[in-house]
Amino acid sequence: MVNARAIVTTSLVKGDTLLERQQRLFEMFRRYIGREVEVNQSIFWAKKTQDNLNRAIAYMMLNFGLIDGNLEEVLDLYFPQCPVMTNCQDLALMAATLANAGLNPIT
């Protein structure tokens, strides 16, 4: 259920437009790892066009009232997170930042 939780969490990202929510999300990633993050575009497009399982999970959660708003926009914000190019050090730094009340312990 990791993906289901990620989709619901994604639906909670604040912003008036999809672009504002994307910028907010990726700025958070940048702060957490101390550098710009890249999205593998070929994986992103594969997820966006072929990931029927997560799309079905999202529609089921919408049906049960766990997601508010435009589901397609939620998925358009969720799918680019899947192929974010990180390594083990980045992931450890994200965890350390979260454990440190959102403050990057290096920067």
PDB file of N, CA and C in Angstrom:
ATOM      1  N   MET A   1       0.802  -1.202   0.000  1.00  0.00           N
ATOM      2  CA  MET A   1       0.000   0.000   0.000  1.00  0.00           C
ATOM      3  C   MET A   1       0.845   1.266   0.000  1.00  0.00           C
ATOM      4  N   VAL A   2       2.127   1.147  -0.261  1.00  0.00           N
ATOM      5  CA  VAL A   2       2.995   2.322  -0.305  1.00  0.00           C
ATOM      6  C   VAL A   2       2.522   3.290  -1.383  1.00  0.00           C
ATOM      7  N   ASN A   3       2.217   2.790  -2.559  1.00  0.00           N
ATOM      8  CA  ASN A   3       1.775   3.671  -3.649  1.00  0.00           C
ATOM      9  C   ASN A   3       0.460   4.345  -3.310  1.00  0.00           C
ATOM     10  N   ALA A   4      -0.467   3.618  -2.699  1.00  0.00           N
ATOM     11  CA  ALA A   4      -1.751   4.211  -2.332  1.00  0.00           C
ATOM     12  C   ALA A   4      -1.539   5.371  -1.374  1.00  0.00           C
ATOM     13  N   ARG A   5      -0.691   5.177  -0.385  1.00  0.00           N
ATOM     14  CA  ARG A   5      -0.412   6.267   0.563  1.00  0.00           C
ATOM     15  C   ARG A   5       0.268   7.431  -0.136  1.00  0.00           C
ATOM     16  N   ALA A   6       1.161   7.142  -1.062  1.00  0.00           N
ATOM     17  CA  ALA A   6       1.853   8.210  -1.788  1.00  0.00           C
ATOM     18  C   ALA A   6       0.870   9.011  -2.633  1.00  0.00           C
ATOM     19  N   ILE A   7      -0.093   8.358  -3.224  1.00  0.00           N
ATOM     20  CA  ILE A   7      -1.081   9.056  -4.042  1.00  0.00           C
ATOM     21  C   ILE A   7      -1.944   9.957  -3.159  1.00  0.00           C
ATOM     22  N   VAL A   8      -2.400   9.435  -2.023  1.00  0.00           N
ATOM     23  CA  VAL A   8      -3.206  10.251  -1.112  1.00  0.00           C
ATOM     24  C   VAL A   8      -2.384  11.426  -0.595  1.00  0.00           C
ATOM     25  N   THR A   9      -1.149  11.183  -0.201  1.00  0.00           N
ATOM     26  CA  THR A   9      -0.283  12.259   0.291  1.00  0.00           C
ATOM     27  C   THR A   9      -0.076  13.305  -0.794  1.00  0.00           C
ATOM     28  N   THR A  10       0.119  12.859  -2.014  1.00  0.00           N
ATOM     29  CA  THR A  10       0.284  13.780  -3.140  1.00  0.00           C
ATOM     30  C   THR A  10      -0.940  14.664  -3.308  1.00  0.00           C
ATOM     31  N   SER A  11      -2.108  14.109  -3.062  1.00  0.00           N
ATOM     32  CA  SER A  11      -3.338  14.901  -3.222  1.00  0.00           C
ATOM     33  C   SER A  11      -3.425  16.026  -2.194  1.00  0.00           C
ATOM     34  N   LEU A  12      -2.616  15.966  -1.148  1.00  0.00           N
ATOM     35  CA  LEU A  12      -2.639  16.980  -0.087  1.00  0.00           C
ATOM     36  C   LEU A  12      -1.665  18.130  -0.320  1.00  0.00           C
ATOM     37  N   VAL A  13      -0.822  18.035  -1.362  1.00  0.00           N
ATOM     38  CA  VAL A  13       0.141  19.102  -1.646  1.00  0.00           C
ATOM     39  C   VAL A  13      -0.636  20.365  -1.996  1.00  0.00           C
ATOM     40  N   LYS A  14      -0.306  21.445  -1.304  1.00  0.00           N
ATOM     41  CA  LYS A  14      -1.035  22.707  -1.478  1.00  0.00           C
ATOM     42  C   LYS A  14      -0.568  23.465  -2.712  1.00  0.00           C
ATOM     43  N   GLY A  15      -1.490  24.229  -3.290  1.00  0.00           N
ATOM     44  CA  GLY A  15      -1.215  25.071  -4.450  1.00  0.00           C
ATOM     45  C   GLY A  15      -2.491  25.277  -5.235  1.00  0.00           C
ATOM     46  N   ASP A  16      -2.581  26.418  -5.890  1.00  0.00           N
ATOM     47  CA  ASP A  16      -3.784  26.736  -6.658  1.00  0.00           C
ATOM     48  C   ASP A  16      -3.811  26.046  -8.016  1.00  0.00           C
ATOM     49  N   THR A  17      -2.641  25.734  -8.558  1.00  0.00           N
ATOM     50  CA  THR A  17      -2.561  25.097  -9.872  1.00  0.00           C
ATOM     51  C   THR A  17      -1.646  23.885  -9.784  1.00  0.00           C
ATOM     52  N   LEU A  18      -1.720  23.045 -10.783  1.00  0.00           N
ATOM     53  CA  LEU A  18      -0.830  21.891 -10.851  1.00  0.00           C
ATOM     54  C   LEU A  18       0.625  22.350 -10.873  1.00  0.00           C
ATOM     55  N   LEU A  19       0.925  23.388 -11.632  1.00  0.00           N
ATOM     56  CA  LEU A  19       2.297  23.895 -11.705  1.00  0.00           C
ATOM     57  C   LEU A  19       2.795  24.349 -10.335  1.00  0.00           C
ATOM     58  N   GLU A  20       1.973  25.056  -9.578  1.00  0.00           N
ATOM     59  CA  GLU A  20       2.374  25.487  -8.234  1.00  0.00           C
ATOM     60  C   GLU A  20       2.649  24.293  -7.336  1.00  0.00           C
ATOM     61  N   ARG A  21       1.805  23.271  -7.418  1.00  0.00           N
ATOM     62  CA  ARG A  21       2.015  22.072  -6.593  1.00  0.00           C
ATOM     63  C   ARG A  21       3.286  21.341  -7.011  1.00  0.00           C
ATOM     64  N   GLN A  22       3.540  21.253  -8.331  1.00  0.00           N
ATOM     65  CA  GLN A  22       4.775  20.617  -8.804  1.00  0.00           C
ATOM     66  C   GLN A  22       5.998  21.379  -8.302  1.00  0.00           C
ATOM     67  N   GLN A  23       5.961  22.692  -8.415  1.00  0.00           N
ATOM     68  CA  GLN A  23       7.093  23.497  -7.955  1.00  0.00           C
ATOM     69  C   GLN A  23       7.307  23.325  -6.459  1.00  0.00           C
ATOM     70  N   ARG A  24       6.242  23.320  -5.693  1.00  0.00           N
ATOM     71  CA  ARG A  24       6.341  23.140  -4.241  1.00  0.00           C
ATOM     72  C   ARG A  24       6.957  21.783  -3.900  1.00  0.00           C
ATOM     73  N   LEU A  25       6.488  20.744  -4.560  1.00  0.00           N
ATOM     74  CA  LEU A  25       6.968  19.397  -4.299  1.00  0.00           C
ATOM     75  C   LEU A  25       8.447  19.246  -4.655  1.00  0.00           C
ATOM     76  N   PHE A  26       8.821  19.711  -5.839  1.00  0.00           N
ATOM     77  CA  PHE A  26      10.204  19.530  -6.266  1.00  0.00           C
ATOM     78  C   PHE A  26      11.157  20.469  -5.528  1.00  0.00           C
ATOM     79  N   GLU A  27      10.662  21.603  -5.051  1.00  0.00           N
ATOM     80  CA  GLU A  27      11.473  22.468  -4.191  1.00  0.00           C
ATOM     81  C   GLU A  27      11.740  21.767  -2.860  1.00  0.00           C
ATOM     82  N   MET A  28      10.756  21.053  -2.358  1.00  0.00           N
ATOM     83  CA  MET A  28      10.952  20.285  -1.135  1.00  0.00           C
ATOM     84  C   MET A  28      12.024  19.216  -1.354  1.00  0.00           C
ATOM     85  N   PHE A  29      11.938  18.497  -2.470  1.00  0.00           N
ATOM     86  CA  PHE A  29      12.966  17.494  -2.767  1.00  0.00           C
ATOM     87  C   PHE A  29      14.348  18.138  -2.831  1.00  0.00           C
ATOM     88  N   ARG A  30      14.427  19.314  -3.499  1.00  0.00           N
ATOM     89  CA  ARG A  30      15.712  20.012  -3.623  1.00  0.00           C
ATOM     90  C   ARG A  30      16.267  20.375  -2.253  1.00  0.00           C
ATOM     91  N   ARG A  31      15.421  20.877  -1.387  1.00  0.00           N
ATOM     92  CA  ARG A  31      15.867  21.229  -0.033  1.00  0.00           C
ATOM     93  C   ARG A  31      16.329  20.001   0.735  1.00  0.00           C
ATOM     94  N   TYR A  32      15.632  18.899   0.556  1.00  0.00           N
ATOM     95  CA  TYR A  32      15.968  17.689   1.293  1.00  0.00           C
ATOM     96  C   TYR A  32      17.320  17.110   0.888  1.00  0.00           C
ATOM     97  N   ILE A  33      17.640  17.152  -0.409  1.00  0.00           N
ATOM     98  CA  ILE A  33      18.909  16.536  -0.830  1.00  0.00           C
ATOM     99  C   ILE A  33      19.980  17.549  -1.193  1.00  0.00           C
ATOM    100  N   GLY A  34      19.636  18.838  -1.180  1.00  0.00           N
ATOM    101  CA  GLY A  34      20.640  19.866  -1.393  1.00  0.00           C
ATOM    102  C   GLY A  34      21.057  20.076  -2.833  1.00  0.00           C
ATOM    103  N   ARG A  35      20.248  19.586  -3.768  1.00  0.00           N
ATOM    104  CA  ARG A  35      20.518  19.800  -5.197  1.00  0.00           C
ATOM    105  C   ARG A  35      19.217  19.634  -5.967  1.00  0.00           C
ATOM    106  N   GLU A  36      19.238  20.106  -7.218  1.00  0.00           N
ATOM    107  CA  GLU A  36      18.061  19.928  -8.073  1.00  0.00           C
ATOM    108  C   GLU A  36      17.864  18.431  -8.348  1.00  0.00           C
ATOM    109  N   VAL A  37      16.629  18.025  -8.438  1.00  0.00           N
ATOM    110  CA  VAL A  37      16.338  16.637  -8.780  1.00  0.00           C
ATOM    111  C   VAL A  37      15.933  16.556 -10.241  1.00  0.00           C
ATOM    112  N   GLU A  38      16.237  15.434 -10.837  1.00  0.00           N
ATOM    113  CA  GLU A  38      15.880  15.204 -12.230  1.00  0.00           C
ATOM    114  C   GLU A  38      14.852  14.082 -12.300  1.00  0.00           C
ATOM    115  N   VAL A  39      14.001  14.155 -13.295  1.00  0.00           N
ATOM    116  CA  VAL A  39      13.000  13.126 -13.548  1.00  0.00           C
ATOM    117  C   VAL A  39      13.393  12.398 -14.821  1.00  0.00           C
ATOM    118  N   ASN A  40      13.454  11.075 -14.759  1.00  0.00           N
ATOM    119  CA  ASN A  40      13.713  10.278 -15.946  1.00  0.00           C
ATOM    120  C   ASN A  40      12.454  10.333 -16.813  1.00  0.00           C
ATOM    121  N   GLN A  41      12.539  11.071 -17.913  1.00  0.00           N
ATOM    122  CA  GLN A  41      11.361  11.343 -18.738  1.00  0.00           C
ATOM    123  C   GLN A  41      10.761  10.093 -19.383  1.00  0.00           C
ATOM    124  N   SER A  42      11.598   9.147 -19.795  1.00  0.00           N
ATOM    125  CA  SER A  42      11.038   7.954 -20.436  1.00  0.00           C
ATOM    126  C   SER A  42      10.248   7.121 -19.425  1.00  0.00           C
ATOM    127  N   ILE A  43      10.736   7.028 -18.204  1.00  0.00           N
ATOM    128  CA  ILE A  43       9.992   6.299 -17.170  1.00  0.00           C
ATOM    129  C   ILE A  43       8.727   7.064 -16.808  1.00  0.00           C
ATOM    130  N   PHE A  44       8.833   8.392 -16.707  1.00  0.00           N
ATOM    131  CA  PHE A  44       7.648   9.204 -16.411  1.00  0.00           C
ATOM    132  C   PHE A  44       6.549   8.953 -17.435  1.00  0.00           C
ATOM    133  N   TRP A  45       6.883   9.028 -18.715  1.00  0.00           N
ATOM    134  CA  TRP A  45       5.851   8.859 -19.744  1.00  0.00           C
ATOM    135  C   TRP A  45       5.282   7.454 -19.740  1.00  0.00           C
ATOM    136  N   ALA A  46       6.119   6.468 -19.440  1.00  0.00           N
ATOM    137  CA  ALA A  46       5.611   5.098 -19.329  1.00  0.00           C
ATOM    138  C   ALA A  46       4.623   4.991 -18.179  1.00  0.00           C
ATOM    139  N   LYS A  47       4.965   5.586 -17.020  1.00  0.00           N
ATOM    140  CA  LYS A  47       4.055   5.573 -15.878  1.00  0.00           C
ATOM    141  C   LYS A  47       2.752   6.296 -16.226  1.00  0.00           C
ATOM    142  N   LYS A  48       2.876   7.462 -16.814  1.00  0.00           N
ATOM    143  CA  LYS A  48       1.693   8.283 -17.108  1.00  0.00           C
ATOM    144  C   LYS A  48       0.747   7.595 -18.093  1.00  0.00           C
ATOM    145  N   THR A  49       1.292   6.891 -19.053  1.00  0.00           N
ATOM    146  CA  THR A  49       0.451   6.306 -20.095  1.00  0.00           C
ATOM    147  C   THR A  49       0.102   4.837 -19.882  1.00  0.00           C
ATOM    148  N   GLN A  50       0.871   4.135 -19.007  1.00  0.00           N
ATOM    149  CA  GLN A  50       0.655   2.690 -18.897  1.00  0.00           C
ATOM    150  C   GLN A  50       0.403   2.182 -17.480  1.00  0.00           C
ATOM    151  N   ASP A  51       0.484   3.038 -16.476  1.00  0.00           N
ATOM    152  CA  ASP A  51       0.358   2.577 -15.089  1.00  0.00           C
ATOM    153  C   ASP A  51      -1.106   2.471 -14.689  1.00  0.00           C
ATOM    154  N   ASN A  52      -1.747   1.437 -15.191  1.00  0.00           N
ATOM    155  CA  ASN A  52      -3.172   1.255 -14.922  1.00  0.00           C
ATOM    156  C   ASN A  52      -3.442   0.809 -13.492  1.00  0.00           C
ATOM    157  N   LEU A  53      -2.490   0.117 -12.857  1.00  0.00           N
ATOM    158  CA  LEU A  53      -2.698  -0.336 -11.487  1.00  0.00           C
ATOM    159  C   LEU A  53      -2.817   0.857 -10.533  1.00  0.00           C
ATOM    160  N   ASN A  54      -1.860   1.784 -10.581  1.00  0.00           N
ATOM    161  CA  ASN A  54      -1.936   2.938  -9.691  1.00  0.00           C
ATOM    162  C   ASN A  54      -3.091   3.856 -10.047  1.00  0.00           C
ATOM    163  N   ARG A  55      -3.433   3.932 -11.304  1.00  0.00           N
ATOM    164  CA  ARG A  55      -4.599   4.720 -11.715  1.00  0.00           C
ATOM    165  C   ARG A  55      -5.871   4.096 -11.116  1.00  0.00           C
ATOM    166  N   ALA A  56      -5.965   2.771 -11.158  1.00  0.00           N
ATOM    167  CA  ALA A  56      -7.130   2.087 -10.577  1.00  0.00           C
ATOM    168  C   ALA A  56      -7.174   2.280  -9.064  1.00  0.00           C
ATOM    169  N   ILE A  57      -6.024   2.190  -8.406  1.00  0.00           N
ATOM    170  CA  ILE A  57      -5.963   2.424  -6.960  1.00  0.00           C
ATOM    171  C   ILE A  57      -6.441   3.836  -6.649  1.00  0.00           C
ATOM    172  N   ALA A  58      -5.998   4.807  -7.439  1.00  0.00           N
ATOM    173  CA  ALA A  58      -6.395   6.198  -7.216  1.00  0.00           C
ATOM    174  C   ALA A  58      -7.903   6.366  -7.382  1.00  0.00           C
ATOM    175  N   TYR A  59      -8.474   5.754  -8.403  1.00  0.00           N
ATOM    176  CA  TYR A  59      -9.926   5.867  -8.598  1.00  0.00           C
ATOM    177  C   TYR A  59     -10.685   5.187  -7.458  1.00  0.00           C
ATOM    178  N   MET A  60     -10.172   4.082  -6.950  1.00  0.00           N
ATOM    179  CA  MET A  60     -10.815   3.426  -5.824  1.00  0.00           C
ATOM    180  C   MET A  60     -10.779   4.329  -4.589  1.00  0.00           C
ATOM    181  N   MET A  61      -9.635   4.982  -4.351  1.00  0.00           N
ATOM    182  CA  MET A  61      -9.528   5.875  -3.199  1.00  0.00           C
ATOM    183  C   MET A  61     -10.419   7.104  -3.379  1.00  0.00           C
ATOM    184  N   LEU A  62     -10.555   7.590  -4.604  1.00  0.00           N
ATOM    185  CA  LEU A  62     -11.477   8.693  -4.887  1.00  0.00           C
ATOM    186  C   LEU A  62     -12.910   8.257  -4.560  1.00  0.00           C
ATOM    187  N   ASN A  63     -13.262   7.050  -4.950  1.00  0.00           N
ATOM    188  CA  ASN A  63     -14.593   6.511  -4.692  1.00  0.00           C
ATOM    189  C   ASN A  63     -14.905   6.453  -3.200  1.00  0.00           C
ATOM    190  N   PHE A  64     -13.899   6.154  -2.380  1.00  0.00           N
ATOM    191  CA  PHE A  64     -14.104   6.057  -0.936  1.00  0.00           C
ATOM    192  C   PHE A  64     -13.875   7.385  -0.209  1.00  0.00           C
ATOM    193  N   GLY A  65     -13.681   8.474  -0.965  1.00  0.00           N
ATOM    194  CA  GLY A  65     -13.551   9.790  -0.358  1.00  0.00           C
ATOM    195  C   GLY A  65     -12.198  10.084   0.263  1.00  0.00           C
ATOM    196  N   LEU A  66     -11.179   9.327  -0.111  1.00  0.00           N
ATOM    197  CA  LEU A  66      -9.838   9.546   0.439  1.00  0.00           C
ATOM    198  C   LEU A  66      -9.054  10.600  -0.325  1.00  0.00           C
ATOM    199  N   ILE A  67      -9.522  10.933  -1.510  1.00  0.00           N
ATOM    200  CA  ILE A  67      -8.873  11.945  -2.349  1.00  0.00           C
ATOM    201  C   ILE A  67      -9.926  12.973  -2.722  1.00  0.00           C
ATOM    202  N   ASP A  68      -9.580  14.224  -2.576  1.00  0.00           N
ATOM    203  CA  ASP A  68     -10.448  15.314  -3.013  1.00  0.00           C
ATOM    204  C   ASP A  68      -9.836  15.958  -4.246  1.00  0.00           C
ATOM    205  N   GLY A  69     -10.663  16.607  -5.024  1.00  0.00           N
ATOM    206  CA  GLY A  69     -10.147  17.368  -6.151  1.00  0.00           C
ATOM    207  C   GLY A  69     -10.084  16.563  -7.430  1.00  0.00           C
ATOM    208  N   ASN A  70      -9.354  17.111  -8.384  1.00  0.00           N
ATOM    209  CA  ASN A  70      -9.233  16.548  -9.718  1.00  0.00           C
ATOM    210  C   ASN A  70      -8.242  15.390  -9.703  1.00  0.00           C
ATOM    211  N   LEU A  71      -8.731  14.189  -9.902  1.00  0.00           N
ATOM    212  CA  LEU A  71      -7.882  13.005  -9.814  1.00  0.00           C
ATOM    213  C   LEU A  71      -6.783  13.009 -10.869  1.00  0.00           C
ATOM    214  N   GLU A  72      -7.086  13.454 -12.076  1.00  0.00           N
ATOM    215  CA  GLU A  72      -6.060  13.479 -13.122  1.00  0.00           C
ATOM    216  C   GLU A  72      -4.910  14.415 -12.739  1.00  0.00           C
ATOM    217  N   GLU A  73      -5.218  15.539 -12.081  1.00  0.00           N
ATOM    218  CA  GLU A  73      -4.148  16.433 -11.616  1.00  0.00           C
ATOM    219  C   GLU A  73      -3.335  15.786 -10.507  1.00  0.00           C
ATOM    220  N   VAL A  74      -4.004  15.044  -9.627  1.00  0.00           N
ATOM    221  CA  VAL A  74      -3.282  14.324  -8.575  1.00  0.00           C
ATOM    222  C   VAL A  74      -2.318  13.328  -9.211  1.00  0.00           C
ATOM    223  N   LEU A  75      -2.794  12.598 -10.198  1.00  0.00           N
ATOM    224  CA  LEU A  75      -1.918  11.628 -10.870  1.00  0.00           C
ATOM    225  C   LEU A  75      -0.807  12.323 -11.655  1.00  0.00           C
ATOM    226  N   ASP A  76      -1.110  13.484 -12.243  1.00  0.00           N
ATOM    227  CA  ASP A  76      -0.073  14.241 -12.957  1.00  0.00           C
ATOM    228  C   ASP A  76       0.998  14.762 -11.998  1.00  0.00           C
ATOM    229  N   LEU A  77       0.673  14.879 -10.734  1.00  0.00           N
ATOM    230  CA  LEU A  77       1.660  15.260  -9.728  1.00  0.00           C
ATOM    231  C   LEU A  77       2.362  14.028  -9.156  1.00  0.00           C
ATOM    232  N   TYR A  78       1.643  12.919  -9.066  1.00  0.00           N
ATOM    233  CA  TYR A  78       2.198  11.676  -8.523  1.00  0.00           C
ATOM    234  C   TYR A  78       3.193  11.012  -9.483  1.00  0.00           C
ATOM    235  N   PHE A  79       2.825  10.879 -10.754  1.00  0.00           N
ATOM    236  CA  PHE A  79       3.658  10.120 -11.689  1.00  0.00           C
ATOM    237  C   PHE A  79       5.089  10.661 -11.831  1.00  0.00           C
ATOM    238  N   PRO A  80       5.340  11.987 -11.846  1.00  0.00           N
ATOM    239  CA  PRO A  80       6.736  12.443 -11.963  1.00  0.00           C
ATOM    240  C   PRO A  80       7.583  12.159 -10.726  1.00  0.00           C
ATOM    241  N   GLN A  81       6.947  11.844  -9.604  1.00  0.00           N
ATOM    242  CA  GLN A  81       7.721  11.517  -8.410  1.00  0.00           C
ATOM    243  C   GLN A  81       8.342  10.123  -8.510  1.00  0.00           C
ATOM    244  N   CYS A  82       7.679   9.241  -9.230  1.00  0.00           N
ATOM    245  CA  CYS A  82       8.148   7.852  -9.316  1.00  0.00           C
ATOM    246  C   CYS A  82       9.537   7.741  -9.941  1.00  0.00           C
ATOM    247  N   PRO A  83       9.821   8.451 -11.040  1.00  0.00           N
ATOM    248  CA  PRO A  83      11.144   8.318 -11.653  1.00  0.00           C
ATOM    249  C   PRO A  83      12.134   9.424 -11.274  1.00  0.00           C
ATOM    250  N   VAL A  84      11.988   9.999 -10.058  1.00  0.00           N
ATOM    251  CA  VAL A  84      12.978  10.984  -9.618  1.00  0.00           C
ATOM    252  C   VAL A  84      14.317  10.272  -9.475  1.00  0.00           C
ATOM    253  N   MET A  85      15.335  10.861 -10.071  1.00  0.00           N
ATOM    254  CA  MET A  85      16.663  10.244 -10.100  1.00  0.00           C
ATOM    255  C   MET A  85      17.398  10.539  -8.788  1.00  0.00           C
ATOM    256  N   THR A  86      17.459   9.542  -7.918  1.00  0.00           N
ATOM    257  CA  THR A  86      18.167   9.661  -6.653  1.00  0.00           C
ATOM    258  C   THR A  86      19.084   8.460  -6.481  1.00  0.00           C
ATOM    259  N   ASN A  87      19.944   8.564  -5.488  1.00  0.00           N
ATOM    260  CA  ASN A  87      20.801   7.434  -5.136  1.00  0.00           C
ATOM    261  C   ASN A  87      20.621   7.161  -3.641  1.00  0.00           C
ATOM    262  N   CYS A  88      21.357   6.198  -3.128  1.00  0.00           N
ATOM    263  CA  CYS A  88      21.216   5.829  -1.712  1.00  0.00           C
ATOM    264  C   CYS A  88      21.569   6.995  -0.795  1.00  0.00           C
ATOM    265  N   GLN A  89      22.581   7.769  -1.152  1.00  0.00           N
ATOM    266  CA  GLN A  89      22.969   8.917  -0.333  1.00  0.00           C
ATOM    267  C   GLN A  89      21.834   9.955  -0.298  1.00  0.00           C
ATOM    268  N   ASP A  90      21.201  10.208  -1.449  1.00  0.00           N
ATOM    269  CA  ASP A  90      20.076  11.136  -1.503  1.00  0.00           C
ATOM    270  C   ASP A  90      18.937  10.669  -0.597  1.00  0.00           C
ATOM    271  N   LEU A  91      18.610   9.393  -0.678  1.00  0.00           N
ATOM    272  CA  LEU A  91      17.514   8.856   0.125  1.00  0.00           C
ATOM    273  C   LEU A  91      17.836   8.929   1.615  1.00  0.00           C
ATOM    274  N   ALA A  92      19.083   8.644   1.968  1.00  0.00           N
ATOM    275  CA  ALA A  92      19.489   8.749   3.371  1.00  0.00           C
ATOM    276  C   ALA A  92      19.405  10.198   3.843  1.00  0.00           C
ATOM    277  N   LEU A  93      19.794  11.123   2.993  1.00  0.00           N
ATOM    278  CA  LEU A  93      19.736  12.538   3.349  1.00  0.00           C
ATOM    279  C   LEU A  93      18.285  13.009   3.481  1.00  0.00           C
ATOM    280  N   MET A  94      17.390  12.501   2.619  1.00  0.00           N
ATOM    281  CA  MET A  94      15.968  12.822   2.764  1.00  0.00           C
ATOM    282  C   MET A  94      15.451  12.333   4.114  1.00  0.00           C
ATOM    283  N   ALA A  95      15.806  11.105   4.475  1.00  0.00           N
ATOM    284  CA  ALA A  95      15.358  10.557   5.760  1.00  0.00           C
ATOM    285  C   ALA A  95      15.935  11.358   6.920  1.00  0.00           C
ATOM    286  N   ALA A  96      17.204  11.738   6.824  1.00  0.00           N
ATOM    287  CA  ALA A  96      17.828  12.528   7.888  1.00  0.00           C
ATOM    288  C   ALA A  96      17.166  13.893   8.001  1.00  0.00           C
ATOM    289  N   THR A  97      16.798  14.475   6.882  1.00  0.00           N
ATOM    290  CA  THR A  97      16.128  15.781   6.893  1.00  0.00           C
ATOM    291  C   THR A  97      14.762  15.670   7.550  1.00  0.00           C
ATOM    292  N   LEU A  98      14.013  14.638   7.196  1.00  0.00           N
ATOM    293  CA  LEU A  98      12.705  14.439   7.823  1.00  0.00           C
ATOM    294  C   LEU A  98      12.854  14.189   9.324  1.00  0.00           C
ATOM    295  N   ALA A  99      13.856  13.403   9.714  1.00  0.00           N
ATOM    296  CA  ALA A  99      14.087  13.123  11.130  1.00  0.00           C
ATOM    297  C   ALA A  99      14.558  14.362  11.884  1.00  0.00           C
ATOM    298  N   ASN A 100      15.082  15.337  11.169  1.00  0.00           N
ATOM    299  CA  ASN A 100      15.603  16.568  11.760  1.00  0.00           C
ATOM    300  C   ASN A 100      14.591  17.713  11.618  1.00  0.00           C
ATOM    301  N   ALA A 101      13.311  17.374  11.697  1.00  0.00           N
ATOM    302  CA  ALA A 101      12.221  18.359  11.634  1.00  0.00           C
ATOM    303  C   ALA A 101      12.230  19.168  10.343  1.00  0.00           C
ATOM    304  N   GLY A 102      12.653  18.553   9.238  1.00  0.00           N
ATOM    305  CA  GLY A 102      12.629  19.216   7.944  1.00  0.00           C
ATOM    306  C   GLY A 102      13.848  20.053   7.628  1.00  0.00           C
ATOM    307  N   LEU A 103      14.841  20.031   8.499  1.00  0.00           N
ATOM    308  CA  LEU A 103      16.073  20.792   8.264  1.00  0.00           C
ATOM    309  C   LEU A 103      17.168  19.869   7.756  1.00  0.00           C
ATOM    310  N   ASN A 104      17.709  20.195   6.599  1.00  0.00           N
ATOM    311  CA  ASN A 104      18.789  19.397   6.027  1.00  0.00           C
ATOM    312  C   ASN A 104      19.990  19.485   6.962  1.00  0.00           C
ATOM    313  N   PRO A 105      20.502  18.350   7.475  1.00  0.00           N
ATOM    314  CA  PRO A 105      21.598  18.401   8.428  1.00  0.00           C
ATOM    315  C   PRO A 105      22.938  18.795   7.819  1.00  0.00           C
ATOM    316  N   ILE A 106      23.027  18.823   6.502  1.00  0.00           N
ATOM    317  CA  ILE A 106      24.293  19.202   5.847  1.00  0.00           C
ATOM    318  C   ILE A 106      24.276  20.660   5.424  1.00  0.00           C
ATOM    319  N   THR A 107      23.165  21.091   4.824  1.00  0.00           N
ATOM    320  CA  THR A 107      23.126  22.465   4.328  1.00  0.00           C
ATOM    321  C   THR A 107      22.540  23.399   5.364  1.00  0.00           C
TER     322      THR A 107
END
